[in-house]
Amino acid sequence: MAEHPELLEAQKTKDEKLHGYLKEVYVKSTDNFEQSNTSTKSLPLNRIPPPEPDMGSLEHISGKISEGRVTLKTVFSFLGQHRSDPQNFSIQKIAKDNKLDEKDVENVLNFFKILHLYIPKEMYEKNKKMKKYVAEQFKLSSSAASPPFVLSDKTQKKDDKEKPQDFSPTKT
C-alpha cells in the first residue's frame, strides 16, 4: 500500500454508481425450507446419548428382565438387606419377591460376598498392631462388610475342603 497511495484513497471514497446498483438488487426466495420433525430417514431425532447404566445393567436397552433372573443391582440390594436383617429378608421372601428359585438364592447368599476382606498372615507378622486396628475398623464399618479373614499359606487337606476354616483375627 505504501507504493500505491491512490488505491488507499480510492477505497476510502464512496462510489455512488456502485452504491446505486446495490440498492436495486433484490433477492426473493421461493423455496420452502421448513424442517419437519417426522423424518423418514434413519437418523436419530434426539442426539442426546442415553444415560450410563448402573453397575453394568442393561435395563434401559432390554426393558424387562425375564423371570428367574435378576440384575446385579437387585442382587446387591437383597444381599445387603439379608445381611442387615436375615429374619425379615429370608431366603424364601427374597425368592418370592424376585421370582427366583430358593436354591439359587441360597447359593448367592452363601457364595457371593460383598466387601469381603482377606488379610495374609504375613501382614500380621510384619505389623503387630494390625490385628487391633483391623478389629477396630470392623467394629466401625457398616453391617454390609464381612469380618476379615487371614489366608493360610498351607493347603487344606482333602478332609477339610468340605468345611471351610475361619482364620478371622477378630475371633479367638
C-alpha atoms as a PDB file:
ATOM      1  CA  MET A   1       0.000   0.000   0.000  1.00  0.00           C
ATOM      2  CA  ALA A   2       2.895   2.348   0.557  1.00  0.00           C
ATOM      3  CA  GLU A   3       3.747   2.066  -3.153  1.00  0.00           C
ATOM      4  CA  HIS A   4       0.216   2.964  -4.338  1.00  0.00           C
ATOM      5  CA  PRO A   5      -1.389   5.564  -2.052  1.00  0.00           C
ATOM      6  CA  GLU A   6      -4.044   6.314  -4.700  1.00  0.00           C
ATOM      7  CA  LEU A   7      -5.572   2.822  -4.179  1.00  0.00           C
ATOM      8  CA  LEU A   8      -5.860   3.508  -0.455  1.00  0.00           C
ATOM      9  CA  GLU A   9      -7.674   6.773  -1.158  1.00  0.00           C
ATOM     10  CA  ALA A  10      -9.982   5.032  -3.701  1.00  0.00           C
ATOM     11  CA  GLN A  11     -11.069   2.550  -1.023  1.00  0.00           C
ATOM     12  CA  LYS A  12     -11.965   5.328   1.400  1.00  0.00           C
ATOM     13  CA  THR A  13     -14.267   7.172  -1.019  1.00  0.00           C
ATOM     14  CA  LYS A  14     -17.857   6.099  -1.724  1.00  0.00           C
ATOM     15  CA  ASP A  15     -18.665   5.226  -5.343  1.00  0.00           C
ATOM     16  CA  GLU A  16     -22.248   6.420  -5.916  1.00  0.00           C
ATOM     17  CA  LYS A  17     -22.703   4.386  -9.100  1.00  0.00           C
ATOM     18  CA  LEU A  18     -21.884   1.064  -7.335  1.00  0.00           C
ATOM     19  CA  HIS A  19     -23.993   2.089  -4.345  1.00  0.00           C
ATOM     20  CA  GLY A  20     -26.981   2.613  -6.670  1.00  0.00           C
ATOM     21  CA  TYR A  21     -26.547  -0.843  -8.203  1.00  0.00           C
ATOM     22  CA  LEU A  22     -26.571  -2.418  -4.734  1.00  0.00           C
ATOM     23  CA  LYS A  23     -29.818  -0.617  -3.857  1.00  0.00           C
ATOM     24  CA  GLU A  24     -31.529  -2.112  -6.919  1.00  0.00           C
ATOM     25  CA  VAL A  25     -30.564  -5.708  -6.109  1.00  0.00           C
ATOM     26  CA  TYR A  26     -33.435  -7.663  -4.529  1.00  0.00           C
ATOM     27  CA  VAL A  27     -33.336 -11.376  -3.726  1.00  0.00           C
ATOM     28  CA  LYS A  28     -36.599 -13.242  -3.474  1.00  0.00           C
ATOM     29  CA  SER A  29     -36.551 -16.859  -2.312  1.00  0.00           C
ATOM     30  CA  THR A  30     -39.327 -19.171  -3.451  1.00  0.00           C
ATOM     31  CA  ASP A  31     -38.072 -22.428  -1.895  1.00  0.00           C
ATOM     32  CA  ASN A  32     -39.678 -23.606   1.339  1.00  0.00           C
ATOM     33  CA  PHE A  33     -37.010 -24.989   3.703  1.00  0.00           C
ATOM     34  CA  GLU A  34     -39.210 -25.953   6.641  1.00  0.00           C
ATOM     35  CA  GLN A  35     -37.794 -28.870   8.602  1.00  0.00           C
ATOM     36  CA  SER A  36     -40.310 -31.473   9.640  1.00  0.00           C
ATOM     37  CA  ASN A  37     -39.992 -33.358  12.944  1.00  0.00           C
ATOM     38  CA  THR A  38     -41.221 -36.587  11.405  1.00  0.00           C
ATOM     39  CA  SER A  39     -38.269 -37.754   9.369  1.00  0.00           C
ATOM     40  CA  THR A  40     -38.320 -40.930   7.303  1.00  0.00           C
ATOM     41  CA  LYS A  41     -34.539 -41.184   7.385  1.00  0.00           C
ATOM     42  CA  SER A  42     -32.746 -43.479   9.804  1.00  0.00           C
ATOM     43  CA  LEU A  43     -31.027 -40.550  11.525  1.00  0.00           C
ATOM     44  CA  PRO A  44     -31.905 -40.053  15.187  1.00  0.00           C
ATOM     45  CA  LEU A  45     -34.095 -37.084  16.030  1.00  0.00           C
ATOM     46  CA  ASN A  46     -32.715 -36.954  19.569  1.00  0.00           C
ATOM     47  CA  ARG A  47     -28.935 -36.719  19.545  1.00  0.00           C
ATOM     48  CA  ILE A  48     -28.551 -36.870  23.321  1.00  0.00           C
ATOM     49  CA  PRO A  49     -26.864 -40.169  24.276  1.00  0.00           C
ATOM     50  CA  PRO A  50     -28.721 -42.480  26.667  1.00  0.00           C
ATOM     51  CA  PRO A  51     -27.685 -42.304  30.329  1.00  0.00           C
ATOM     52  CA  GLU A  52     -24.904 -44.570  31.563  1.00  0.00           C
ATOM     53  CA  PRO A  53     -26.209 -47.833  33.033  1.00  0.00           C
ATOM     54  CA  ASP A  54     -25.816 -48.543  36.746  1.00  0.00           C
ATOM     55  CA  MET A  55     -23.371 -51.338  37.596  1.00  0.00           C
ATOM     56  CA  GLY A  56     -23.431 -52.926  34.158  1.00  0.00           C
ATOM     57  CA  SER A  57     -27.211 -53.092  33.971  1.00  0.00           C
ATOM     58  CA  LEU A  58     -28.820 -53.248  30.560  1.00  0.00           C
ATOM     59  CA  GLU A  59     -32.340 -52.393  31.757  1.00  0.00           C
ATOM     60  CA  HIS A  60     -32.510 -49.285  29.573  1.00  0.00           C
ATOM     61  CA  ILE A  61     -31.867 -51.431  26.484  1.00  0.00           C
ATOM     62  CA  SER A  62     -33.785 -54.637  27.149  1.00  0.00           C
ATOM     63  CA  GLY A  63     -36.545 -53.030  29.201  1.00  0.00           C
ATOM     64  CA  LYS A  64     -37.699 -56.123  31.063  1.00  0.00           C
ATOM     65  CA  ILE A  65     -35.727 -58.780  32.912  1.00  0.00           C
ATOM     66  CA  SER A  66     -37.040 -62.295  32.323  1.00  0.00           C
ATOM     67  CA  GLU A  67     -38.463 -64.360  35.170  1.00  0.00           C
ATOM     68  CA  GLY A  68     -35.869 -66.332  37.108  1.00  0.00           C
ATOM     69  CA  ARG A  69     -33.186 -63.709  36.503  1.00  0.00           C
ATOM     70  CA  VAL A  70     -32.222 -60.506  38.309  1.00  0.00           C
ATOM     71  CA  THR A  71     -29.907 -57.580  37.678  1.00  0.00           C
ATOM     72  CA  LEU A  72     -26.644 -57.052  39.516  1.00  0.00           C
ATOM     73  CA  LYS A  73     -28.212 -54.042  41.202  1.00  0.00           C
ATOM     74  CA  THR A  74     -31.016 -56.240  42.584  1.00  0.00           C
ATOM     75  CA  VAL A  75     -28.503 -58.843  43.797  1.00  0.00           C
ATOM     76  CA  PHE A  76     -26.549 -56.191  45.709  1.00  0.00           C
ATOM     77  CA  SER A  77     -29.793 -54.905  47.159  1.00  0.00           C
ATOM     78  CA  PHE A  78     -31.046 -58.217  48.529  1.00  0.00           C
ATOM     79  CA  LEU A  79     -27.556 -59.223  49.715  1.00  0.00           C
ATOM     80  CA  GLY A  80     -27.370 -56.083  51.826  1.00  0.00           C
ATOM     81  CA  GLN A  81     -30.923 -56.488  53.089  1.00  0.00           C
ATOM     82  CA  HIS A  82     -30.365 -60.118  54.080  1.00  0.00           C
ATOM     83  CA  ARG A  83     -27.098 -59.299  55.837  1.00  0.00           C
ATOM     84  CA  SER A  84     -28.671 -56.457  57.825  1.00  0.00           C
ATOM     85  CA  ASP A  85     -31.907 -58.298  58.735  1.00  0.00           C
ATOM     86  CA  PRO A  86     -31.920 -62.067  57.987  1.00  0.00           C
ATOM     87  CA  GLN A  87     -35.299 -62.654  59.698  1.00  0.00           C
ATOM     88  CA  ASN A  88     -37.250 -60.128  57.604  1.00  0.00           C
ATOM     89  CA  PHE A  89     -35.315 -60.837  54.397  1.00  0.00           C
ATOM     90  CA  SER A  90     -35.191 -64.630  54.452  1.00  0.00           C
ATOM     91  CA  ILE A  91     -34.276 -66.844  51.531  1.00  0.00           C
ATOM     92  CA  GLN A  92     -37.941 -67.676  50.947  1.00  0.00           C
ATOM     93  CA  LYS A  93     -39.015 -63.997  50.946  1.00  0.00           C
ATOM     94  CA  ILE A  94     -36.222 -62.944  48.568  1.00  0.00           C
ATOM     95  CA  ALA A  95     -37.025 -65.850  46.219  1.00  0.00           C
ATOM     96  CA  LYS A  96     -40.733 -64.998  46.245  1.00  0.00           C
ATOM     97  CA  ASP A  97     -40.228 -61.234  45.731  1.00  0.00           C
ATOM     98  CA  ASN A  98     -37.785 -61.670  42.831  1.00  0.00           C
ATOM     99  CA  LYS A  99     -39.407 -64.799  41.315  1.00  0.00           C
ATOM    100  CA  LEU A 100     -36.273 -66.898  41.828  1.00  0.00           C
ATOM    101  CA  ASP A 101     -35.606 -70.467  42.868  1.00  0.00           C
ATOM    102  CA  GLU A 102     -34.884 -70.772  46.617  1.00  0.00           C
ATOM    103  CA  LYS A 103     -31.800 -72.916  45.958  1.00  0.00           C
ATOM    104  CA  ASP A 104     -30.351 -70.214  43.673  1.00  0.00           C
ATOM    105  CA  VAL A 105     -30.974 -67.508  46.282  1.00  0.00           C
ATOM    106  CA  GLU A 106     -29.359 -69.680  48.964  1.00  0.00           C
ATOM    107  CA  ASN A 107     -26.285 -70.207  46.762  1.00  0.00           C
ATOM    108  CA  VAL A 108     -25.989 -66.488  46.049  1.00  0.00           C
ATOM    109  CA  LEU A 109     -26.254 -65.644  49.746  1.00  0.00           C
ATOM    110  CA  ASN A 110     -23.666 -68.275  50.694  1.00  0.00           C
ATOM    111  CA  PHE A 111     -21.085 -67.798  47.963  1.00  0.00           C
ATOM    112  CA  PHE A 112     -21.412 -64.195  46.749  1.00  0.00           C
ATOM    113  CA  LYS A 113     -19.752 -61.825  49.227  1.00  0.00           C
ATOM    114  CA  ILE A 114     -19.724 -58.033  49.249  1.00  0.00           C
ATOM    115  CA  LEU A 115     -16.687 -56.240  50.690  1.00  0.00           C
ATOM    116  CA  HIS A 116     -15.021 -59.439  51.834  1.00  0.00           C
ATOM    117  CA  LEU A 117     -11.551 -58.686  53.247  1.00  0.00           C
ATOM    118  CA  TYR A 118      -8.734 -61.242  53.205  1.00  0.00           C
ATOM    119  CA  ILE A 119      -5.507 -60.480  55.066  1.00  0.00           C
ATOM    120  CA  PRO A 120      -2.447 -62.755  54.725  1.00  0.00           C
ATOM    121  CA  LYS A 121      -0.728 -63.940  57.929  1.00  0.00           C
ATOM    122  CA  GLU A 122       2.491 -62.209  56.867  1.00  0.00           C
ATOM    123  CA  MET A 123       0.768 -58.841  57.235  1.00  0.00           C
ATOM    124  CA  TYR A 124       0.078 -59.566  60.902  1.00  0.00           C
ATOM    125  CA  GLU A 125       3.630 -60.771  61.470  1.00  0.00           C
ATOM    126  CA  LYS A 126       5.100 -57.571  59.982  1.00  0.00           C
ATOM    127  CA  ASN A 127       2.844 -55.228  61.956  1.00  0.00           C
ATOM    128  CA  LYS A 128       1.978 -56.380  65.480  1.00  0.00           C
ATOM    129  CA  LYS A 129      -0.700 -53.678  65.965  1.00  0.00           C
ATOM    130  CA  MET A 130      -2.537 -54.584  62.769  1.00  0.00           C
ATOM    131  CA  LYS A 131      -4.841 -57.102  64.470  1.00  0.00           C
ATOM    132  CA  LYS A 132      -6.076 -54.379  66.834  1.00  0.00           C
ATOM    133  CA  TYR A 133      -6.546 -51.837  64.014  1.00  0.00           C
ATOM    134  CA  VAL A 134      -8.465 -54.295  61.825  1.00  0.00           C
ATOM    135  CA  ALA A 135     -10.754 -55.243  64.714  1.00  0.00           C
ATOM    136  CA  GLU A 136     -11.463 -51.540  65.431  1.00  0.00           C
ATOM    137  CA  GLN A 137     -12.191 -50.797  61.777  1.00  0.00           C
ATOM    138  CA  PHE A 138     -14.511 -53.779  61.524  1.00  0.00           C
ATOM    139  CA  LYS A 139     -16.496 -52.545  64.525  1.00  0.00           C
ATOM    140  CA  LEU A 140     -16.819 -49.103  62.883  1.00  0.00           C
ATOM    141  CA  SER A 141     -17.740 -50.455  59.446  1.00  0.00           C
ATOM    142  CA  SER A 142     -21.261 -50.983  58.188  1.00  0.00           C
ATOM    143  CA  SER A 143     -23.114 -54.252  58.539  1.00  0.00           C
ATOM    144  CA  ALA A 144     -22.586 -54.931  54.811  1.00  0.00           C
ATOM    145  CA  ALA A 145     -18.890 -55.673  55.377  1.00  0.00           C
ATOM    146  CA  SER A 146     -17.850 -59.147  56.404  1.00  0.00           C
ATOM    147  CA  PRO A 147     -15.207 -59.761  59.075  1.00  0.00           C
ATOM    148  CA  PRO A 148     -11.636 -60.018  57.781  1.00  0.00           C
ATOM    149  CA  PHE A 149     -10.144 -63.452  57.246  1.00  0.00           C
ATOM    150  CA  VAL A 150      -6.498 -64.461  57.276  1.00  0.00           C
ATOM    151  CA  LEU A 151      -5.412 -66.631  54.383  1.00  0.00           C
ATOM    152  CA  SER A 152      -3.406 -69.698  55.241  1.00  0.00           C
ATOM    153  CA  ASP A 153      -0.344 -70.477  53.162  1.00  0.00           C
ATOM    154  CA  LYS A 154      -0.814 -74.190  53.804  1.00  0.00           C
ATOM    155  CA  THR A 155      -3.082 -76.090  51.508  1.00  0.00           C
ATOM    156  CA  GLN A 156      -6.082 -77.745  53.102  1.00  0.00           C
ATOM    157  CA  LYS A 157      -6.314 -81.484  53.423  1.00  0.00           C
ATOM    158  CA  LYS A 158      -8.933 -83.285  51.371  1.00  0.00           C
ATOM    159  CA  ASP A 159     -10.971 -83.919  54.551  1.00  0.00           C
ATOM    160  CA  ASP A 160     -11.041 -80.200  55.411  1.00  0.00           C
ATOM    161  CA  LYS A 161     -12.206 -78.957  51.991  1.00  0.00           C
ATOM    162  CA  GLU A 162     -15.845 -79.652  52.787  1.00  0.00           C
ATOM    163  CA  LYS A 163     -15.756 -77.483  55.897  1.00  0.00           C
ATOM    164  CA  PRO A 164     -14.087 -74.068  55.273  1.00  0.00           C
ATOM    165  CA  GLN A 165     -11.878 -72.768  58.056  1.00  0.00           C
ATOM    166  CA  ASP A 166     -12.330 -69.314  59.534  1.00  0.00           C
ATOM    167  CA  PHE A 167      -8.993 -67.622  60.222  1.00  0.00           C
ATOM    168  CA  SER A 168     -10.554 -64.412  61.446  1.00  0.00           C
ATOM    169  CA  PRO A 169      -8.270 -62.355  63.717  1.00  0.00           C
ATOM    170  CA  THR A 170     -11.312 -60.892  65.467  1.00  0.00           C
ATOM    171  CA  LYS A 171     -12.454 -64.293  66.709  1.00  0.00           C
ATOM    172  CA  THR A 172     -10.484 -66.224  69.316  1.00  0.00           C
END
